[in-house]
């Protein structure tokens, strides 16, 4: 039987279908973790081609409502995105309580955070990183690369770059677990008190390598966030280059209305 959902709408047919399925998800007719009807079923239900169905499912993926697994189908997402409050996550009180930023924000969101350290060691600074750190292109820096999980699902990959002149004197920065409060706590203990964090946020499609690392469907969107950690003396002592599954996070900023 062909559905007439959105028949009077001026929207393209694939958006009408996406809206109809979204309504089913939000109304509870398609429950969290439940499989979305197959492509064949949706083609018959809406009287459209396979290409139209695929475009509708792509819209739902982009909206963070479903996830697709090759050979298995598409499923309603079972977990809401984590809200990242940049005005809160770097509070010094979190570090004093022994919590790094990611741990603090995911706990507040009610999910279990875990971290896998992928590599730690000296590398030649990439050009953009060198510019942000105020060093020469190719200068030696310490790179700490990690993969973060929420409830066992990979959600972001981050690499911290620190000037070698700073990192070499802080042995904890070379350890997989730098201790309570993370690397920012260790930096402040060694006299690098933070004044501000400056973030650049971009949205783009994931590369094949990034999609594989985060377990994303081909063509998924990511948030590419690069952050400078700036001390009271104006020195950038860390640049964190992060890719985030776009449907897993909401970025929440507080901007003072001051001169």
C-alpha atoms as a PDB file:
ATOM      1  CA  UNK A   1       0.000   0.000   0.000  1.00  0.00           C
ATOM      2  CA  UNK A   2       1.449   3.394  -0.989  1.00  0.00           C
ATOM      3  CA  UNK A   3       1.686   6.063   1.728  1.00  0.00           C
ATOM      4  CA  UNK A   4       0.368   9.528   0.910  1.00  0.00           C
ATOM      5  CA  UNK A   5       2.519  11.186   3.593  1.00  0.00           C
ATOM      6  CA  UNK A   6       3.315  14.739   2.544  1.00  0.00           C
ATOM      7  CA  UNK A   7       1.405  14.442  -0.732  1.00  0.00           C
ATOM      8  CA  UNK A   8       0.353  18.125  -0.605  1.00  0.00           C
ATOM      9  CA  UNK A   9       3.795  19.318   0.444  1.00  0.00           C
ATOM     10  CA  UNK A  10       5.998  21.303  -1.918  1.00  0.00           C
ATOM     11  CA  UNK A  11       9.065  19.538  -0.510  1.00  0.00           C
ATOM     12  CA  UNK A  12      11.032  17.015  -2.573  1.00  0.00           C
ATOM     13  CA  UNK A  13       9.706  13.492  -2.064  1.00  0.00           C
ATOM     14  CA  UNK A  14      12.783  12.269  -0.189  1.00  0.00           C
ATOM     15  CA  UNK A  15      12.368  15.053   2.388  1.00  0.00           C
ATOM     16  CA  UNK A  16       8.687  14.172   2.801  1.00  0.00           C
ATOM     17  CA  UNK A  17       9.684  10.564   3.513  1.00  0.00           C
ATOM     18  CA  UNK A  18      12.405  11.681   5.942  1.00  0.00           C
ATOM     19  CA  UNK A  19       9.878  13.890   7.756  1.00  0.00           C
ATOM     20  CA  UNK A  20       7.414  11.003   8.004  1.00  0.00           C
ATOM     21  CA  UNK A  21      10.001   8.624   9.462  1.00  0.00           C
ATOM     22  CA  UNK A  22      11.240  11.365  11.828  1.00  0.00           C
ATOM     23  CA  UNK A  23       7.671  11.771  13.088  1.00  0.00           C
ATOM     24  CA  UNK A  24       7.491   8.007  13.686  1.00  0.00           C
ATOM     25  CA  UNK A  25      10.744   8.121  15.669  1.00  0.00           C
ATOM     26  CA  UNK A  26       9.783  11.127  17.782  1.00  0.00           C
ATOM     27  CA  UNK A  27       6.284   9.725  18.318  1.00  0.00           C
ATOM     28  CA  UNK A  28       7.675   6.424  19.582  1.00  0.00           C
ATOM     29  CA  UNK A  29       6.339   4.257  16.756  1.00  0.00           C
ATOM     30  CA  UNK A  30       9.978   3.516  15.898  1.00  0.00           C
ATOM     31  CA  UNK A  31      11.740   2.891  19.205  1.00  0.00           C
ATOM     32  CA  UNK A  32      15.423   3.508  20.076  1.00  0.00           C
ATOM     33  CA  UNK A  33      17.664   0.795  18.560  1.00  0.00           C
ATOM     34  CA  UNK A  34      14.764  -0.480  16.409  1.00  0.00           C
ATOM     35  CA  UNK A  35      15.525  -1.235  12.772  1.00  0.00           C
ATOM     36  CA  UNK A  36      14.077   1.166  10.211  1.00  0.00           C
ATOM     37  CA  UNK A  37      12.017  -0.686   7.551  1.00  0.00           C
ATOM     38  CA  UNK A  38      14.185  -1.980   4.728  1.00  0.00           C
ATOM     39  CA  UNK A  39      14.776  -0.133   1.478  1.00  0.00           C
ATOM     40  CA  UNK A  40      12.440  -2.509  -0.337  1.00  0.00           C
ATOM     41  CA  UNK A  41       9.652  -1.962   2.200  1.00  0.00           C
ATOM     42  CA  UNK A  42      10.048   1.822   2.056  1.00  0.00           C
ATOM     43  CA  UNK A  43      10.044   1.813  -1.754  1.00  0.00           C
ATOM     44  CA  UNK A  44       6.741  -0.053  -1.738  1.00  0.00           C
ATOM     45  CA  UNK A  45       5.252   1.981   1.098  1.00  0.00           C
ATOM     46  CA  UNK A  46       5.980   5.368  -0.479  1.00  0.00           C
ATOM     47  CA  UNK A  47       5.898   4.356  -4.151  1.00  0.00           C
ATOM     48  CA  UNK A  48       9.380   5.712  -4.893  1.00  0.00           C
ATOM     49  CA  UNK A  49      12.719   4.532  -6.275  1.00  0.00           C
ATOM     50  CA  UNK A  50      15.618   3.136  -4.278  1.00  0.00           C
ATOM     51  CA  UNK A  51      17.569   6.371  -4.850  1.00  0.00           C
ATOM     52  CA  UNK A  52      14.807   8.422  -3.228  1.00  0.00           C
ATOM     53  CA  UNK A  53      14.743   6.121  -0.196  1.00  0.00           C
ATOM     54  CA  UNK A  54      18.509   6.325   0.171  1.00  0.00           C
ATOM     55  CA  UNK A  55      18.395  10.122   0.095  1.00  0.00           C
ATOM     56  CA  UNK A  56      15.703  10.082   2.804  1.00  0.00           C
ATOM     57  CA  UNK A  57      17.798   7.804   5.025  1.00  0.00           C
ATOM     58  CA  UNK A  58      20.828  10.040   4.439  1.00  0.00           C
ATOM     59  CA  UNK A  59      18.774  13.010   5.717  1.00  0.00           C
ATOM     60  CA  UNK A  60      17.891  11.068   8.859  1.00  0.00           C
ATOM     61  CA  UNK A  61      21.532  10.157   9.423  1.00  0.00           C
ATOM     62  CA  UNK A  62      22.553  13.809   9.031  1.00  0.00           C
ATOM     63  CA  UNK A  63      19.912  14.770  11.603  1.00  0.00           C
ATOM     64  CA  UNK A  64      21.380  12.267  14.058  1.00  0.00           C
ATOM     65  CA  UNK A  65      18.222  10.161  14.176  1.00  0.00           C
ATOM     66  CA  UNK A  66      19.452   6.926  12.597  1.00  0.00           C
ATOM     67  CA  UNK A  67      22.712   5.113  11.960  1.00  0.00           C
ATOM     68  CA  UNK A  68      23.437   2.726   9.109  1.00  0.00           C
ATOM     69  CA  UNK A  69      25.562  -0.411   9.233  1.00  0.00           C
ATOM     70  CA  UNK A  70      26.681  -1.995   5.981  1.00  0.00           C
ATOM     71  CA  UNK A  71      24.954  -5.305   5.407  1.00  0.00           C
ATOM     72  CA  UNK A  72      22.662  -4.855   8.422  1.00  0.00           C
ATOM     73  CA  UNK A  73      20.449  -1.869   7.692  1.00  0.00           C
ATOM     74  CA  UNK A  74      19.545   1.392   9.417  1.00  0.00           C
ATOM     75  CA  UNK A  75      18.585   1.685  13.089  1.00  0.00           C
ATOM     76  CA  UNK A  76      17.096   4.390  15.294  1.00  0.00           C
ATOM     77  CA  UNK A  77      19.803   5.937  17.449  1.00  0.00           C
ATOM     78  CA  UNK A  78      19.563   4.863  21.043  1.00  0.00           C
ATOM     79  CA  UNK A  79      21.407   7.736  22.702  1.00  0.00           C
ATOM     80  CA  UNK A  80      20.963  11.525  22.577  1.00  0.00           C
ATOM     81  CA  UNK A  81      24.031  13.648  21.745  1.00  0.00           C
ATOM     82  CA  UNK A  82      26.350  14.932  24.467  1.00  0.00           C
ATOM     83  CA  UNK A  83      26.010  18.681  25.064  1.00  0.00           C
ATOM     84  CA  UNK A  84      29.478  20.204  25.171  1.00  0.00           C
ATOM     85  CA  UNK A  85      29.335  23.410  27.192  1.00  0.00           C
ATOM     86  CA  UNK A  86      32.636  25.105  26.392  1.00  0.00           C
ATOM     87  CA  UNK A  87      32.038  27.689  29.125  1.00  0.00           C
ATOM     88  CA  UNK A  88      31.919  24.887  31.705  1.00  0.00           C
ATOM     89  CA  UNK A  89      34.076  21.967  30.572  1.00  0.00           C
ATOM     90  CA  UNK A  90      37.433  23.674  31.248  1.00  0.00           C
ATOM     91  CA  UNK A  91      36.619  24.950  34.716  1.00  0.00           C
ATOM     92  CA  UNK A  92      39.596  24.735  37.064  1.00  0.00           C
ATOM     93  CA  UNK A  93      37.305  23.147  39.665  1.00  0.00           C
ATOM     94  CA  UNK A  94      36.935  20.077  37.392  1.00  0.00           C
ATOM     95  CA  UNK A  95      40.709  19.661  37.247  1.00  0.00           C
ATOM     96  CA  UNK A  96      41.020  20.090  41.011  1.00  0.00           C
ATOM     97  CA  UNK A  97      38.417  17.340  41.390  1.00  0.00           C
ATOM     98  CA  UNK A  98      40.639  15.114  39.244  1.00  0.00           C
ATOM     99  CA  UNK A  99      38.438  15.208  36.142  1.00  0.00           C
ATOM    100  CA  UNK A 100      39.657  16.032  32.663  1.00  0.00           C
ATOM    101  CA  UNK A 101      37.223  17.965  30.433  1.00  0.00           C
ATOM    102  CA  UNK A 102      35.877  14.962  28.498  1.00  0.00           C
ATOM    103  CA  UNK A 103      35.272  12.970  31.673  1.00  0.00           C
ATOM    104  CA  UNK A 104      33.406  15.866  33.295  1.00  0.00           C
ATOM    105  CA  UNK A 105      31.118  16.549  30.329  1.00  0.00           C
ATOM    106  CA  UNK A 106      30.215  12.928  29.586  1.00  0.00           C
ATOM    107  CA  UNK A 107      29.461  12.176  33.230  1.00  0.00           C
ATOM    108  CA  UNK A 108      27.140  15.190  33.289  1.00  0.00           C
ATOM    109  CA  UNK A 109      25.427  13.794  30.191  1.00  0.00           C
ATOM    110  CA  UNK A 110      24.853  10.471  31.955  1.00  0.00           C
ATOM    111  CA  UNK A 111      27.096   8.341  29.744  1.00  0.00           C
ATOM    112  CA  UNK A 112      30.151   6.260  30.636  1.00  0.00           C
ATOM    113  CA  UNK A 113      33.369   7.768  29.240  1.00  0.00           C
ATOM    114  CA  UNK A 114      36.474   5.792  28.318  1.00  0.00           C
ATOM    115  CA  UNK A 115      39.701   6.841  26.604  1.00  0.00           C
ATOM    116  CA  UNK A 116      42.109   4.827  24.457  1.00  0.00           C
ATOM    117  CA  UNK A 117      45.581   6.321  24.037  1.00  0.00           C
ATOM    118  CA  UNK A 118      46.706   5.676  20.452  1.00  0.00           C
ATOM    119  CA  UNK A 119      50.198   7.188  20.552  1.00  0.00           C
ATOM    120  CA  UNK A 120      52.463   9.504  22.552  1.00  0.00           C
ATOM    121  CA  UNK A 121      55.767  10.862  21.321  1.00  0.00           C
ATOM    122  CA  UNK A 122      57.727  13.537  19.477  1.00  0.00           C
ATOM    123  CA  UNK A 123      56.645  14.542  15.959  1.00  0.00           C
ATOM    124  CA  UNK A 124      57.422  17.339  13.518  1.00  0.00           C
ATOM    125  CA  UNK A 125      54.798  20.052  13.960  1.00  0.00           C
ATOM    126  CA  UNK A 126      52.350  20.305  11.023  1.00  0.00           C
ATOM    127  CA  UNK A 127      52.214  23.792   9.520  1.00  0.00           C
ATOM    128  CA  UNK A 128      48.878  24.890  11.045  1.00  0.00           C
ATOM    129  CA  UNK A 129      49.889  23.539  14.460  1.00  0.00           C
ATOM    130  CA  UNK A 130      53.272  25.287  14.301  1.00  0.00           C
ATOM    131  CA  UNK A 131      51.566  28.577  13.446  1.00  0.00           C
ATOM    132  CA  UNK A 132      49.228  28.229  16.402  1.00  0.00           C
ATOM    133  CA  UNK A 133      52.068  27.313  18.794  1.00  0.00           C
ATOM    134  CA  UNK A 134      54.287  30.101  17.493  1.00  0.00           C
ATOM    135  CA  UNK A 135      57.037  27.678  16.476  1.00  0.00           C
ATOM    136  CA  UNK A 136      58.689  26.950  13.134  1.00  0.00           C
ATOM    137  CA  UNK A 137      57.098  24.526  10.676  1.00  0.00           C
ATOM    138  CA  UNK A 138      58.543  21.069  11.406  1.00  0.00           C
ATOM    139  CA  UNK A 139      59.839  21.885  14.902  1.00  0.00           C
ATOM    140  CA  UNK A 140      59.726  18.994  17.373  1.00  0.00           C
ATOM    141  CA  UNK A 141      56.565  18.887  19.496  1.00  0.00           C
ATOM    142  CA  UNK A 142      55.006  16.287  21.765  1.00  0.00           C
ATOM    143  CA  UNK A 143      51.883  14.707  20.266  1.00  0.00           C
ATOM    144  CA  UNK A 144      49.316  12.845  22.380  1.00  0.00           C
ATOM    145  CA  UNK A 145      46.680  11.092  20.210  1.00  0.00           C
ATOM    146  CA  UNK A 146      43.554   9.622  21.850  1.00  0.00           C
ATOM    147  CA  UNK A 147      40.254   8.024  20.898  1.00  0.00           C
ATOM    148  CA  UNK A 148      37.269   8.793  23.148  1.00  0.00           C
ATOM    149  CA  UNK A 149      34.231   6.596  23.743  1.00  0.00           C
ATOM    150  CA  UNK A 150      30.770   7.234  25.213  1.00  0.00           C
ATOM    151  CA  UNK A 151      29.083   4.055  26.452  1.00  0.00           C
ATOM    152  CA  UNK A 152      31.583   2.071  24.391  1.00  0.00           C
ATOM    153  CA  UNK A 153      30.884   3.945  21.135  1.00  0.00           C
ATOM    154  CA  UNK A 154      33.768   5.963  19.583  1.00  0.00           C
ATOM    155  CA  UNK A 155      32.730   9.614  19.368  1.00  0.00           C
ATOM    156  CA  UNK A 156      35.873  11.689  18.914  1.00  0.00           C
ATOM    157  CA  UNK A 157      39.577  11.469  18.154  1.00  0.00           C
ATOM    158  CA  UNK A 158      41.919  14.156  19.449  1.00  0.00           C
ATOM    159  CA  UNK A 159      45.615  14.939  19.180  1.00  0.00           C
ATOM    160  CA  UNK A 160      47.235  17.368  21.610  1.00  0.00           C
ATOM    161  CA  UNK A 161      50.406  19.101  20.435  1.00  0.00           C
ATOM    162  CA  UNK A 162      52.685  20.684  23.050  1.00  0.00           C
ATOM    163  CA  UNK A 163      55.911  22.671  22.513  1.00  0.00           C
ATOM    164  CA  UNK A 164      58.903  20.443  23.240  1.00  0.00           C
ATOM    165  CA  UNK A 165      60.389  23.179  25.442  1.00  0.00           C
ATOM    166  CA  UNK A 166      57.334  22.847  27.708  1.00  0.00           C
ATOM    167  CA  UNK A 167      56.658  19.101  27.526  1.00  0.00           C
ATOM    168  CA  UNK A 168      60.214  17.883  28.112  1.00  0.00           C
ATOM    169  CA  UNK A 169      60.157  19.109  31.723  1.00  0.00           C
ATOM    170  CA  UNK A 170      56.848  17.411  32.634  1.00  0.00           C
ATOM    171  CA  UNK A 171      57.345  13.613  32.663  1.00  0.00           C
ATOM    172  CA  UNK A 172      53.631  12.907  33.278  1.00  0.00           C
ATOM    173  CA  UNK A 173      52.850  14.226  29.791  1.00  0.00           C
ATOM    174  CA  UNK A 174      54.628  11.189  28.332  1.00  0.00           C
ATOM    175  CA  UNK A 175      52.479   8.736  30.320  1.00  0.00           C
ATOM    176  CA  UNK A 176      49.245   7.173  29.017  1.00  0.00           C
ATOM    177  CA  UNK A 177      47.534   8.372  32.192  1.00  0.00           C
ATOM    178  CA  UNK A 178      48.928  11.799  33.109  1.00  0.00           C
ATOM    179  CA  UNK A 179      46.986  11.763  36.394  1.00  0.00           C
ATOM    180  CA  UNK A 180      43.818  13.356  37.769  1.00  0.00           C
ATOM    181  CA  UNK A 181      42.635  16.402  35.875  1.00  0.00           C
ATOM    182  CA  UNK A 182      44.547  15.433  32.728  1.00  0.00           C
ATOM    183  CA  UNK A 183      47.362  17.279  31.008  1.00  0.00           C
ATOM    184  CA  UNK A 184      45.940  20.714  31.820  1.00  0.00           C
ATOM    185  CA  UNK A 185      46.250  19.985  35.535  1.00  0.00           C
ATOM    186  CA  UNK A 186      49.884  18.920  35.058  1.00  0.00           C
ATOM    187  CA  UNK A 187      50.665  22.032  33.017  1.00  0.00           C
ATOM    188  CA  UNK A 188      49.203  24.313  35.692  1.00  0.00           C
ATOM    189  CA  UNK A 189      51.132  22.477  38.400  1.00  0.00           C
ATOM    190  CA  UNK A 190      54.301  23.421  36.501  1.00  0.00           C
ATOM    191  CA  UNK A 191      53.435  27.113  36.382  1.00  0.00           C
ATOM    192  CA  UNK A 192      51.477  27.348  33.136  1.00  0.00           C
ATOM    193  CA  UNK A 193      48.261  28.900  34.455  1.00  0.00           C
ATOM    194  CA  UNK A 194      45.522  29.143  31.852  1.00  0.00           C
ATOM    195  CA  UNK A 195      43.807  32.390  30.933  1.00  0.00           C
ATOM    196  CA  UNK A 196      41.632  31.291  28.008  1.00  0.00           C
ATOM    197  CA  UNK A 197      40.894  28.637  25.407  1.00  0.00           C
ATOM    198  CA  UNK A 198      40.383  29.699  21.797  1.00  0.00           C
ATOM    199  CA  UNK A 199      38.428  27.298  19.568  1.00  0.00           C
ATOM    200  CA  UNK A 200      37.997  27.169  15.801  1.00  0.00           C
ATOM    201  CA  UNK A 201      35.033  25.012  14.696  1.00  0.00           C
ATOM    202  CA  UNK A 202      34.455  23.665  11.190  1.00  0.00           C
ATOM    203  CA  UNK A 203      31.897  21.228   9.809  1.00  0.00           C
ATOM    204  CA  UNK A 204      32.790  18.899   6.933  1.00  0.00           C
ATOM    205  CA  UNK A 205      32.406  15.352   5.655  1.00  0.00           C
ATOM    206  CA  UNK A 206      34.587  12.681   7.212  1.00  0.00           C
ATOM    207  CA  UNK A 207      37.459  11.193   5.234  1.00  0.00           C
ATOM    208  CA  UNK A 208      37.518   7.418   4.843  1.00  0.00           C
ATOM    209  CA  UNK A 209      40.125   7.167   7.606  1.00  0.00           C
ATOM    210  CA  UNK A 210      38.114   9.396   9.973  1.00  0.00           C
ATOM    211  CA  UNK A 211      34.870   7.536   9.255  1.00  0.00           C
ATOM    212  CA  UNK A 212      36.631   4.242  10.005  1.00  0.00           C
ATOM    213  CA  UNK A 213      38.129   5.554  13.269  1.00  0.00           C
ATOM    214  CA  UNK A 214      34.743   6.771  14.539  1.00  0.00           C
ATOM    215  CA  UNK A 215      32.674   3.910  13.113  1.00  0.00           C
ATOM    216  CA  UNK A 216      30.673   6.280  10.887  1.00  0.00           C
ATOM    217  CA  UNK A 217      28.727   5.581   7.736  1.00  0.00           C
ATOM    218  CA  UNK A 218      30.320   6.818   4.465  1.00  0.00           C
ATOM    219  CA  UNK A 219      29.482  10.459   3.858  1.00  0.00           C
ATOM    220  CA  UNK A 220      28.834  11.228   7.531  1.00  0.00           C
ATOM    221  CA  UNK A 221      29.438  14.722   8.850  1.00  0.00           C
ATOM    222  CA  UNK A 222      32.051  15.533  11.465  1.00  0.00           C
ATOM    223  CA  UNK A 223      32.908  18.547  13.581  1.00  0.00           C
ATOM    224  CA  UNK A 224      36.563  19.543  13.221  1.00  0.00           C
ATOM    225  CA  UNK A 225      37.516  21.550  16.305  1.00  0.00           C
ATOM    226  CA  UNK A 226      40.966  23.058  16.903  1.00  0.00           C
ATOM    227  CA  UNK A 227      41.707  24.648  20.279  1.00  0.00           C
ATOM    228  CA  UNK A 228      44.537  26.821  21.587  1.00  0.00           C
ATOM    229  CA  UNK A 229      45.176  26.654  25.341  1.00  0.00           C
ATOM    230  CA  UNK A 230      46.595  30.075  26.276  1.00  0.00           C
ATOM    231  CA  UNK A 231      48.348  30.934  29.545  1.00  0.00           C
ATOM    232  CA  UNK A 232      48.179  34.170  31.522  1.00  0.00           C
ATOM    233  CA  UNK A 233      51.489  35.164  29.889  1.00  0.00           C
ATOM    234  CA  UNK A 234      49.911  34.816  26.450  1.00  0.00           C
ATOM    235  CA  UNK A 235      51.788  31.636  25.500  1.00  0.00           C
ATOM    236  CA  UNK A 236      49.998  28.809  23.670  1.00  0.00           C
ATOM    237  CA  UNK A 237      51.157  25.666  25.490  1.00  0.00           C
ATOM    238  CA  UNK A 238      48.833  23.194  23.773  1.00  0.00           C
ATOM    239  CA  UNK A 239      46.918  22.913  20.516  1.00  0.00           C
ATOM    240  CA  UNK A 240      44.260  20.204  20.449  1.00  0.00           C
ATOM    241  CA  UNK A 241      43.113  19.038  17.005  1.00  0.00           C
ATOM    242  CA  UNK A 242      39.849  17.106  17.331  1.00  0.00           C
ATOM    243  CA  UNK A 243      37.406  15.355  15.018  1.00  0.00           C
ATOM    244  CA  UNK A 244      33.965  14.624  16.450  1.00  0.00           C
ATOM    245  CA  UNK A 245      31.008  12.631  15.153  1.00  0.00           C
ATOM    246  CA  UNK A 246      28.652  15.517  14.340  1.00  0.00           C
ATOM    247  CA  UNK A 247      25.515  13.662  15.407  1.00  0.00           C
ATOM    248  CA  UNK A 248      26.975  12.817  18.823  1.00  0.00           C
ATOM    249  CA  UNK A 249      27.539  16.371  20.087  1.00  0.00           C
ATOM    250  CA  UNK A 250      25.788  19.691  20.587  1.00  0.00           C
ATOM    251  CA  UNK A 251      28.240  22.584  20.985  1.00  0.00           C
ATOM    252  CA  UNK A 252      26.991  25.124  23.522  1.00  0.00           C
ATOM    253  CA  UNK A 253      28.856  28.448  23.892  1.00  0.00           C
ATOM    254  CA  UNK A 254      28.453  31.364  26.282  1.00  0.00           C
ATOM    255  CA  UNK A 255      29.624  34.681  24.837  1.00  0.00           C
ATOM    256  CA  UNK A 256      29.874  37.695  27.195  1.00  0.00           C
ATOM    257  CA  UNK A 257      28.324  40.885  25.772  1.00  0.00           C
ATOM    258  CA  UNK A 258      31.237  43.087  26.861  1.00  0.00           C
ATOM    259  CA  UNK A 259      33.720  45.366  25.059  1.00  0.00           C
END
